[in-house]
Protein backbone atom coordinates (compact mmCIF):
# COMPACT_ATOMS: atom_id res chain seq x y z
CA UNK A 1 0.61 -11.18 -3.81
CA UNK A 2 1.10 -10.74 -0.07
CA UNK A 3 4.02 -12.49 1.60
CA UNK A 4 4.73 -13.20 5.24
CA UNK A 5 8.35 -12.06 5.62
CA UNK A 6 9.29 -13.97 8.72
CA UNK A 7 8.11 -17.44 7.78
CA UNK A 8 8.29 -17.98 4.05
CA UNK A 9 10.04 -15.33 2.01
CA UNK A 10 13.07 -14.58 4.20
CA UNK A 11 13.31 -17.45 6.66
CA UNK A 12 11.48 -20.56 7.71
CA UNK A 13 10.82 -22.12 11.10
CA UNK A 14 12.85 -25.15 10.07
CA UNK A 15 15.79 -23.46 8.37
CA UNK A 16 16.59 -20.06 9.89
CA UNK A 17 17.71 -17.46 7.39
CA UNK A 18 16.68 -19.46 4.31
CA UNK A 19 13.51 -18.77 2.33
CA UNK A 20 11.23 -21.40 0.88
CA UNK A 21 12.42 -21.71 -2.74
CA UNK A 22 8.93 -22.41 -4.11
CA UNK A 23 7.73 -19.11 -2.59
CA UNK A 24 10.58 -17.21 -4.22
CA UNK A 25 9.90 -18.77 -7.62
CA UNK A 26 6.18 -18.02 -7.41
CA UNK A 27 6.89 -14.44 -6.31
CA UNK A 28 9.33 -13.82 -9.18
CA UNK A 29 6.83 -15.27 -11.65
CA UNK A 30 4.01 -13.10 -10.32
CA UNK A 31 6.18 -9.96 -10.39
CA UNK A 32 7.34 -10.66 -13.95
CA UNK A 33 3.70 -10.96 -15.00
CA UNK A 34 2.61 -7.65 -13.51
CA UNK A 35 1.37 -8.64 -10.06
CA UNK A 36 2.02 -6.38 -7.11
CA UNK A 37 4.16 -8.01 -4.42
CA UNK A 38 3.59 -6.86 -0.84
CA UNK A 39 5.23 -7.93 2.42
CA UNK A 40 3.30 -8.15 5.69
């Protein structure tokens, strides 16, 4: 799983400094099930 740090996993355009919760949940799920998580 590859995440875009600046616009989904750490902050959003609409709410500075707050990640999109659905992205965090999906990332945690993927990591718990053995997927590699990368940040671009």
